[in-house]
Amino acid sequence: MKKDISNTTIGLIGGGQLGKMMIMEAKKMGFKVIVLDPAKDCPAHSICNEHIPLSLNDESAIRILSEKCDIITYEFEHINVDALLKLEEENVKIYPSPKSLKTIQNKYTQKAALLDADIPVPDFIYVENFESLEEAGRKFGYPFILKTCTGGYDGKGNFVVNSSDDLEEAYHYLGGSKAGLLAENFVNFNMEVSVIACRGIDGSLSVFPVAKNTHVNNILEETLAPAPVDKNISDRAMNIAGKALNLLEGVGIFCIEMFITESGEVLVNEIAPRPHNSGHYTIEACATSQFEQHIRAITGLPLGDSSLIRPAAMRNLLGEPGFSGPAVVKGMEDALKVKGAKVHIYGKAQTKPHRKMGHVTVCAETLSEAAELCKKAKNLIRIVSEKEDNYE
């Protein structure tokens, strides 16, 4: 007899834009969603069935969520994994598993696990003290990358060490001996790409096309799908993504960020155990979006078709420099006149410089056309605040 999932309630840790887009897909399939997020006006608040406005890392709050739900998932990896491990021991269903989350949360253990599984990664060492940081300089030469092992996103928690003169500044800037640090060889890559991949409870795999990513100031600016790479590289990247998910025994969507070098090497940079900014193009461009696929996976439903329907470009909409305060969206009408433009506004009440406030996607017959139209639509929209007259 097939299991009845019609009354399933999903508990979601985090109510940001990723959570909101997960809920939109969960609602289509009839699921209820309860959100844990401290912000009473978070993007997911307006569409969830219930909102628990407590800390994402509060063990008692996570337990309250678990008592109300059948399954727990999350939209942000920097959460209280020890609380989740305790709940899992009590047979609470949590996907992706706390075990895989714990491995991924620490960049050193993540890289070590990938290396042990013969998954290619940049050369790295653990930095225990200042002497080992000096050793990293001798081992890798300059520049090299220094990272905090835990926390950090959009470039936060990273320091490019350009010469031995930067060692002391980098060490203290990232927390010194009080913080776990990872030194990594600087990869002179030809392209940054990501692969969104999903693994079901039954071990089934679904891998989305390889996408090219362009970052500005460590924030994703543009994603193009499919990535303009030859089939050999594309196949290798997709195979690596599948191998990584099987290694982690992951359930749900994972994003595997990679570097492609000029010599054609494919190296894993980092893994995120959740839907990802670079996978937003899948909403319009693929038969099944990353968000629908995640909900299917964690509820035990068959995974959907992840094939690309048409080439697509996605660009982030960031808060304009010089503005902080209640968000105002300008230029939407003009942007929607652009052929194929789909605008997503996340519903964040407050804007601030470079905050992710939305995104634009365009699908077209060719990748170059999609990229051109997407850039045009994106440039017509500005996210400002009510105090625009104070702009300098």
Protein backbone atom coordinates (compact mmCIF):
# COMPACT_ATOMS: atom_id res chain seq x y z
CA MET A 1 0.00 0.00 0.00
CA LYS A 2 1.31 3.42 -0.92
CA LYS A 3 1.96 5.85 1.91
CA ASP A 4 -0.57 8.69 2.34
CA ILE A 5 1.40 11.96 2.47
CA SER A 6 -1.58 14.28 2.09
CA ASN A 7 -1.43 15.51 5.70
CA THR A 8 2.35 15.92 5.86
CA THR A 9 3.65 19.04 7.60
CA ILE A 10 7.15 20.26 6.75
CA GLY A 11 9.20 22.16 9.32
CA LEU A 12 11.49 24.74 7.74
CA ILE A 13 14.43 26.27 9.57
CA GLY A 14 14.88 29.72 8.00
CA GLY A 15 12.31 31.95 6.34
CA GLY A 16 14.35 33.85 3.77
CA GLN A 17 13.89 33.86 0.02
CA LEU A 18 14.99 30.23 -0.39
CA GLY A 19 12.49 29.17 2.23
CA LYS A 20 9.76 31.22 0.58
CA MET A 21 10.36 29.57 -2.78
CA MET A 22 10.39 26.12 -1.14
CA ILE A 23 7.03 26.87 0.46
CA MET A 24 5.53 27.97 -2.86
CA GLU A 25 6.31 24.53 -4.31
CA ALA A 26 5.25 22.66 -1.17
CA LYS A 27 1.87 24.41 -1.26
CA LYS A 28 1.32 23.29 -4.87
CA MET A 29 1.60 19.70 -3.66
CA GLY A 30 -0.71 20.25 -0.70
CA PHE A 31 1.84 20.24 2.11
CA LYS A 32 1.65 22.47 5.18
CA VAL A 33 4.79 24.34 6.20
CA ILE A 34 5.79 25.73 9.59
CA VAL A 35 8.73 28.15 9.62
CA LEU A 36 11.27 28.86 12.35
CA ASP A 37 12.81 32.30 11.83
CA PRO A 38 13.45 35.14 14.32
CA ALA A 39 12.35 37.88 11.87
CA LYS A 40 8.60 38.45 12.16
CA ASP A 41 8.54 39.99 8.66
CA CYS A 42 10.77 37.42 6.93
CA PRO A 43 9.89 36.64 3.28
CA ALA A 44 8.30 33.28 4.18
CA HIS A 45 6.02 34.76 6.86
CA SER A 46 3.18 35.73 4.52
CA ILE A 47 2.76 32.26 2.96
CA CYS A 48 3.60 29.71 5.66
CA ASN A 49 0.95 27.94 7.74
CA GLU A 50 2.62 28.93 10.98
CA HIS A 51 5.62 31.04 11.95
CA ILE A 52 7.69 30.45 15.09
CA PRO A 53 9.63 33.72 15.60
CA LEU A 54 12.59 32.30 17.54
CA SER A 55 16.31 31.88 16.89
CA LEU A 56 17.50 29.41 14.25
CA ASN A 57 20.07 28.11 16.76
CA ASP A 58 17.80 27.84 19.80
CA GLU A 59 17.67 24.12 20.66
CA SER A 60 14.32 24.45 22.44
CA ALA A 61 12.86 26.32 19.44
CA ILE A 62 14.05 23.61 17.05
CA ARG A 63 12.45 21.02 19.31
CA ILE A 64 9.16 22.96 19.32
CA LEU A 65 9.28 22.94 15.51
CA SER A 66 9.95 19.20 15.43
CA GLU A 67 6.93 18.48 17.64
CA LYS A 68 4.65 20.24 15.16
CA CYS A 69 6.03 18.65 11.97
CA ASP A 70 6.58 15.34 10.21
CA ILE A 71 9.80 16.34 8.42
CA ILE A 72 12.40 19.06 9.03
CA THR A 73 14.49 20.77 6.38
CA TYR A 74 16.44 24.02 6.25
CA GLU A 75 17.34 26.84 3.88
CA PHE A 76 20.59 27.89 5.59
CA GLU A 77 23.46 25.65 6.69
CA HIS A 78 24.85 27.72 9.56
CA ILE A 79 22.42 26.36 12.16
CA ASN A 80 22.56 24.29 15.35
CA VAL A 81 23.57 20.92 13.94
CA ASP A 82 24.06 19.35 17.39
CA ALA A 83 20.39 20.00 18.21
CA LEU A 84 19.44 18.33 14.92
CA LEU A 85 21.65 15.32 15.66
CA LYS A 86 19.86 14.82 18.99
CA LEU A 87 16.49 14.95 17.29
CA GLU A 88 17.61 12.48 14.63
CA GLU A 89 18.55 10.04 17.40
CA GLU A 90 14.91 10.33 18.50
CA ASN A 91 13.82 9.29 14.97
CA VAL A 92 12.83 12.77 13.81
CA LYS A 93 13.07 12.90 10.01
CA ILE A 94 15.55 15.61 8.99
CA TYR A 95 16.73 16.14 5.41
CA PRO A 96 19.47 16.72 4.40
CA SER A 97 20.72 14.61 7.31
CA PRO A 98 22.46 16.32 10.24
CA LYS A 99 25.43 14.02 9.62
CA SER A 100 25.95 15.38 6.10
CA LEU A 101 25.30 18.92 7.38
CA LYS A 102 27.98 18.54 10.07
CA THR A 103 30.52 17.43 7.45
CA ILE A 104 29.65 20.34 5.16
CA GLN A 105 29.49 23.03 7.88
CA ASN A 106 33.24 22.75 8.43
CA LYS A 107 35.12 23.53 5.24
CA TYR A 108 38.12 21.48 6.35
CA THR A 109 36.13 18.30 7.09
CA GLN A 110 34.18 18.87 3.88
CA LYS A 111 37.35 19.10 1.79
CA ALA A 112 38.98 16.16 3.61
CA ALA A 113 35.93 13.95 2.98
CA LEU A 114 35.90 14.85 -0.71
CA LEU A 115 39.64 14.21 -1.03
CA ASP A 116 39.35 10.82 0.70
CA ALA A 117 36.69 9.89 -1.88
CA ASP A 118 38.97 10.87 -4.79
CA ILE A 119 36.79 13.86 -5.64
CA PRO A 120 39.11 16.58 -7.01
CA VAL A 121 39.57 19.68 -4.80
CA PRO A 122 42.19 22.46 -4.64
CA ASP A 123 45.19 21.61 -2.46
CA PHE A 124 44.61 22.67 1.16
CA ILE A 125 45.96 22.44 4.73
CA TYR A 126 44.54 23.10 8.18
CA VAL A 127 45.94 26.23 9.85
CA GLU A 128 46.36 25.52 13.55
CA ASN A 129 48.57 28.48 14.42
CA PHE A 130 50.57 31.28 12.84
CA GLU A 131 53.51 28.96 12.10
CA SER A 132 51.28 26.71 10.02
CA LEU A 133 50.02 29.80 8.15
CA GLU A 134 53.64 30.62 7.29
CA GLU A 135 54.01 27.01 6.13
CA ALA A 136 51.01 27.52 3.84
CA GLY A 137 52.84 30.43 2.20
CA ARG A 138 55.84 28.23 1.57
CA LYS A 139 53.71 25.33 0.33
CA PHE A 140 51.36 27.22 -2.01
CA GLY A 141 53.29 30.37 -2.83
CA TYR A 142 51.40 33.62 -3.24
CA PRO A 143 48.61 34.41 -3.57
CA PHE A 144 46.72 31.77 -1.59
CA ILE A 145 43.30 31.77 0.09
CA LEU A 146 42.73 31.76 3.84
CA LYS A 147 39.23 30.77 4.99
CA THR A 148 37.39 30.29 8.25
CA CYS A 149 36.40 26.64 8.54
CA THR A 150 32.91 27.49 9.75
CA GLY A 151 30.50 30.27 8.84
CA GLY A 152 31.10 32.61 5.96
CA TYR A 153 29.15 33.18 2.75
CA ASP A 154 29.30 35.58 -0.21
CA GLY A 155 33.04 35.97 0.38
CA LYS A 156 32.71 36.68 4.11
CA GLY A 157 35.24 34.64 6.05
CA ASN A 158 37.78 34.65 3.19
CA PHE A 159 41.07 36.52 2.82
CA VAL A 160 43.33 36.56 -0.25
CA VAL A 161 46.91 36.45 1.04
CA ASN A 162 48.93 38.19 -1.66
CA SER A 163 52.33 38.14 0.01
CA SER A 164 54.07 37.28 3.27
CA ASP A 165 53.40 40.86 4.36
CA ASP A 166 49.66 39.97 4.52
CA LEU A 167 50.04 36.94 6.78
CA GLU A 168 49.61 38.65 10.13
CA GLU A 169 46.71 40.81 8.97
CA ALA A 170 44.90 37.83 7.42
CA TYR A 171 45.45 35.66 10.49
CA HIS A 172 44.05 38.17 12.97
CA TYR A 173 41.28 39.38 10.63
CA LEU A 174 39.81 35.86 10.48
CA GLY A 175 40.12 35.17 14.21
CA GLY A 176 43.61 33.74 14.63
CA SER A 177 44.08 30.71 16.86
CA LYS A 178 40.53 31.09 18.25
CA ALA A 179 39.06 30.21 14.86
CA GLY A 180 39.59 27.11 12.80
CA LEU A 181 41.28 28.23 9.58
CA LEU A 182 41.87 26.57 6.23
CA ALA A 183 44.58 27.59 3.74
CA GLU A 184 43.92 26.72 0.13
CA ASN A 185 45.91 26.90 -3.06
CA PHE A 186 44.81 29.81 -5.26
CA VAL A 187 43.16 28.35 -8.35
CA ASN A 188 43.71 30.36 -11.51
CA PHE A 189 40.41 29.20 -12.92
CA ASN A 190 39.00 29.79 -16.37
CA MET A 191 35.38 29.58 -15.23
CA GLU A 192 33.29 29.16 -12.08
CA VAL A 193 30.40 26.73 -12.47
CA SER A 194 27.86 25.06 -10.26
CA VAL A 195 25.79 21.93 -10.50
CA ILE A 196 22.47 21.62 -8.69
CA ALA A 197 21.89 17.98 -7.85
CA CYS A 198 19.27 16.10 -5.88
CA ARG A 199 19.20 12.74 -4.14
CA GLY A 200 16.02 10.99 -3.04
CA ILE A 201 15.41 9.02 0.12
CA ASP A 202 15.69 5.86 -2.01
CA GLY A 203 19.11 6.94 -3.33
CA SER A 204 17.84 8.04 -6.75
CA LEU A 205 19.81 10.89 -8.33
CA SER A 206 18.76 13.83 -10.49
CA VAL A 207 21.40 16.24 -11.75
CA PHE A 208 20.64 19.61 -13.34
CA PRO A 209 22.73 21.09 -16.19
CA VAL A 210 26.07 22.73 -15.45
CA ALA A 211 25.69 26.51 -15.04
CA LYS A 212 28.32 29.23 -15.41
CA ASN A 213 28.55 31.75 -12.57
CA THR A 214 30.03 35.24 -12.54
CA HIS A 215 30.70 36.96 -9.23
CA VAL A 216 31.32 40.64 -8.49
CA ASN A 217 32.65 41.52 -5.03
CA ASN A 218 32.07 37.89 -4.02
CA ILE A 219 28.33 38.11 -4.73
CA LEU A 220 26.79 36.15 -7.59
CA GLU A 221 25.97 38.55 -10.41
CA GLU A 222 24.96 36.25 -13.28
CA THR A 223 24.23 32.59 -13.94
CA LEU A 224 24.08 31.17 -17.47
CA ALA A 225 22.66 27.73 -18.25
CA PRO A 226 23.87 25.67 -19.89
CA ALA A 227 27.46 26.66 -19.17
CA PRO A 228 29.43 27.25 -22.38
CA VAL A 229 31.77 24.27 -21.90
CA ASP A 230 32.40 21.20 -23.97
CA LYS A 231 30.49 17.99 -23.27
CA ASN A 232 33.48 16.23 -21.74
CA ILE A 233 33.83 18.88 -19.02
CA SER A 234 30.07 19.07 -18.51
CA ASP A 235 29.79 15.30 -18.09
CA ARG A 236 32.69 15.25 -15.61
CA ALA A 237 31.16 18.07 -13.54
CA MET A 238 27.79 16.31 -13.39
CA ASN A 239 29.42 13.00 -12.48
CA ILE A 240 31.41 14.68 -9.70
CA ALA A 241 28.20 16.20 -8.35
CA GLY A 242 26.49 12.81 -8.24
CA LYS A 243 29.51 11.20 -6.59
CA ALA A 244 29.57 13.94 -3.92
CA LEU A 245 25.88 13.40 -3.07
CA ASN A 246 26.34 9.64 -2.76
CA LEU A 247 29.38 10.21 -0.53
CA LEU A 248 27.39 12.48 1.77
CA GLU A 249 24.31 10.25 1.60
CA GLY A 250 22.45 13.49 1.06
CA VAL A 251 18.68 13.75 0.64
CA GLY A 252 17.36 16.87 -1.06
CA ILE A 253 18.98 19.56 -3.18
CA PHE A 254 22.70 20.26 -2.97
CA CYS A 255 24.72 22.83 -4.88
CA ILE A 256 28.26 21.82 -5.84
CA GLU A 257 30.35 24.85 -6.77
CA MET A 258 33.37 24.10 -8.96
CA PHE A 259 36.32 25.68 -10.73
CA ILE A 260 37.26 24.80 -14.29
CA THR A 261 40.92 25.50 -15.01
CA GLU A 262 42.47 26.43 -18.34
CA SER A 263 43.86 22.90 -18.60
CA GLY A 264 40.35 21.45 -18.21
CA GLU A 265 40.56 20.33 -14.58
CA VAL A 266 37.27 20.33 -12.65
CA LEU A 267 37.79 21.08 -8.95
CA VAL A 268 35.13 21.24 -6.24
CA ASN A 269 35.21 24.54 -4.36
CA GLU A 270 32.35 24.22 -1.87
CA ILE A 271 29.08 22.37 -1.34
CA ALA A 272 25.83 23.85 -0.02
CA PRO A 273 23.21 21.39 1.34
CA ARG A 274 20.17 23.34 0.13
CA PRO A 275 18.71 25.14 -2.88
CA HIS A 276 21.12 27.77 -4.12
CA ASN A 277 21.17 31.22 -5.67
CA SER A 278 22.80 29.81 -8.81
CA GLY A 279 19.89 27.39 -9.24
CA HIS A 280 17.16 30.02 -9.50
CA TYR A 281 17.21 29.69 -13.29
CA THR A 282 15.61 26.25 -12.90
CA ILE A 283 12.25 27.84 -11.97
CA GLU A 284 11.62 28.95 -15.57
CA ALA A 285 14.22 27.00 -17.52
CA CYS A 286 13.83 23.39 -16.33
CA ALA A 287 11.01 20.89 -16.33
CA THR A 288 11.31 20.72 -12.53
CA SER A 289 12.73 23.57 -10.44
CA GLN A 290 15.32 23.04 -7.71
CA PHE A 291 12.66 23.98 -5.13
CA GLU A 292 10.07 21.47 -6.36
CA GLN A 293 12.78 18.82 -6.58
CA HIS A 294 13.81 19.46 -2.97
CA ILE A 295 10.24 19.07 -1.71
CA ARG A 296 9.78 15.91 -3.77
CA ALA A 297 12.99 14.44 -2.33
CA ILE A 298 12.41 15.13 1.36
CA THR A 299 8.80 13.86 1.24
CA GLY A 300 9.76 10.63 -0.52
CA LEU A 301 8.09 11.49 -3.82
CA PRO A 302 9.65 10.50 -7.18
CA LEU A 303 12.19 13.01 -8.42
CA GLY A 304 11.13 15.12 -11.39
CA ASP A 305 12.71 15.69 -14.79
CA SER A 306 15.68 18.05 -14.34
CA SER A 307 16.37 18.64 -18.03
CA LEU A 308 16.79 22.14 -19.44
CA ILE A 309 13.89 23.30 -21.63
CA ARG A 310 15.59 26.42 -23.03
CA PRO A 311 18.82 28.35 -22.42
CA ALA A 312 18.51 30.80 -19.53
CA ALA A 313 20.23 33.70 -17.80
CA MET A 314 19.65 34.83 -14.22
CA ARG A 315 20.82 38.05 -12.55
CA ASN A 316 20.49 39.07 -8.91
CA LEU A 317 18.71 42.26 -7.89
CA LEU A 318 20.72 43.86 -5.09
CA GLY A 319 20.00 46.77 -2.82
CA GLU A 320 21.44 49.95 -4.35
CA PRO A 321 24.52 51.49 -2.70
CA GLY A 322 23.61 54.49 -0.58
CA PHE A 323 20.21 53.19 0.54
CA SER A 324 19.21 51.55 3.79
CA GLY A 325 15.65 51.35 5.05
CA PRO A 326 12.17 50.28 3.90
CA ALA A 327 12.54 48.74 0.45
CA VAL A 328 11.10 50.38 -2.67
CA VAL A 329 11.21 48.61 -6.05
CA LYS A 330 11.53 50.94 -9.06
CA GLY A 331 11.43 50.09 -12.76
CA MET A 332 9.36 46.90 -12.58
CA GLU A 333 7.00 48.02 -15.35
CA ASP A 334 9.83 48.73 -17.78
CA ALA A 335 11.68 45.52 -16.90
CA LEU A 336 8.61 43.40 -17.59
CA LYS A 337 8.39 44.87 -21.09
CA VAL A 338 11.64 43.04 -21.91
CA LYS A 339 10.86 39.89 -23.88
CA GLY A 340 10.84 36.83 -21.65
CA ALA A 341 11.72 38.66 -18.44
CA LYS A 342 10.53 37.07 -15.21
CA VAL A 343 11.06 39.19 -12.10
CA HIS A 344 11.14 37.72 -8.59
CA ILE A 345 10.98 40.11 -5.63
CA TYR A 346 11.67 38.37 -2.34
CA GLY A 347 9.60 40.57 -0.06
CA LYS A 348 12.34 41.67 2.32
CA ALA A 349 11.00 44.68 4.20
CA GLN A 350 14.37 46.41 4.54
CA THR A 351 16.98 47.08 1.89
CA LYS A 352 20.65 47.78 2.39
CA PRO A 353 23.59 48.07 -0.03
CA HIS A 354 24.26 44.84 -1.94
CA ARG A 355 21.58 42.84 -0.10
CA LYS A 356 19.91 40.18 -2.27
CA MET A 357 16.40 41.53 -2.82
CA GLY A 358 15.27 39.59 -5.88
CA HIS A 359 16.35 38.21 -9.23
CA VAL A 360 15.50 38.31 -12.93
CA THR A 361 15.46 35.33 -15.27
CA VAL A 362 15.13 35.27 -19.06
CA CYS A 363 14.81 32.17 -21.24
CA ALA A 364 15.49 32.46 -24.96
CA GLU A 365 16.36 30.44 -28.05
CA THR A 366 20.09 31.05 -27.55
CA LEU A 367 22.24 31.62 -24.47
CA SER A 368 23.60 34.91 -25.81
CA GLU A 369 20.08 36.25 -26.39
CA ALA A 370 19.00 35.22 -22.89
CA ALA A 371 22.07 36.89 -21.38
CA GLU A 372 21.53 40.13 -23.29
CA LEU A 373 17.83 40.39 -22.44
CA CYS A 374 18.39 39.49 -18.80
CA LYS A 375 21.06 42.17 -18.38
CA LYS A 376 18.72 44.70 -20.00
CA ALA A 377 15.82 43.84 -17.69
CA LYS A 378 18.01 43.78 -14.59
CA ASN A 379 19.44 47.23 -15.35
CA LEU A 380 15.93 48.70 -15.48
CA ILE A 381 15.18 47.78 -11.87
CA ARG A 382 16.48 49.58 -8.79
CA ILE A 383 15.95 48.56 -5.18
CA VAL A 384 16.11 51.73 -3.09
CA SER A 385 14.60 53.03 0.14
CA GLU A 386 11.98 55.66 0.83
CA LYS A 387 14.74 58.18 1.54
CA GLU A 388 15.94 58.36 -2.04
CA ASP A 389 16.60 62.10 -1.78
CA ASN A 390 19.49 61.30 0.53
CA TYR A 391 21.27 59.30 -2.16
CA GLU A 392 24.84 60.43 -2.74
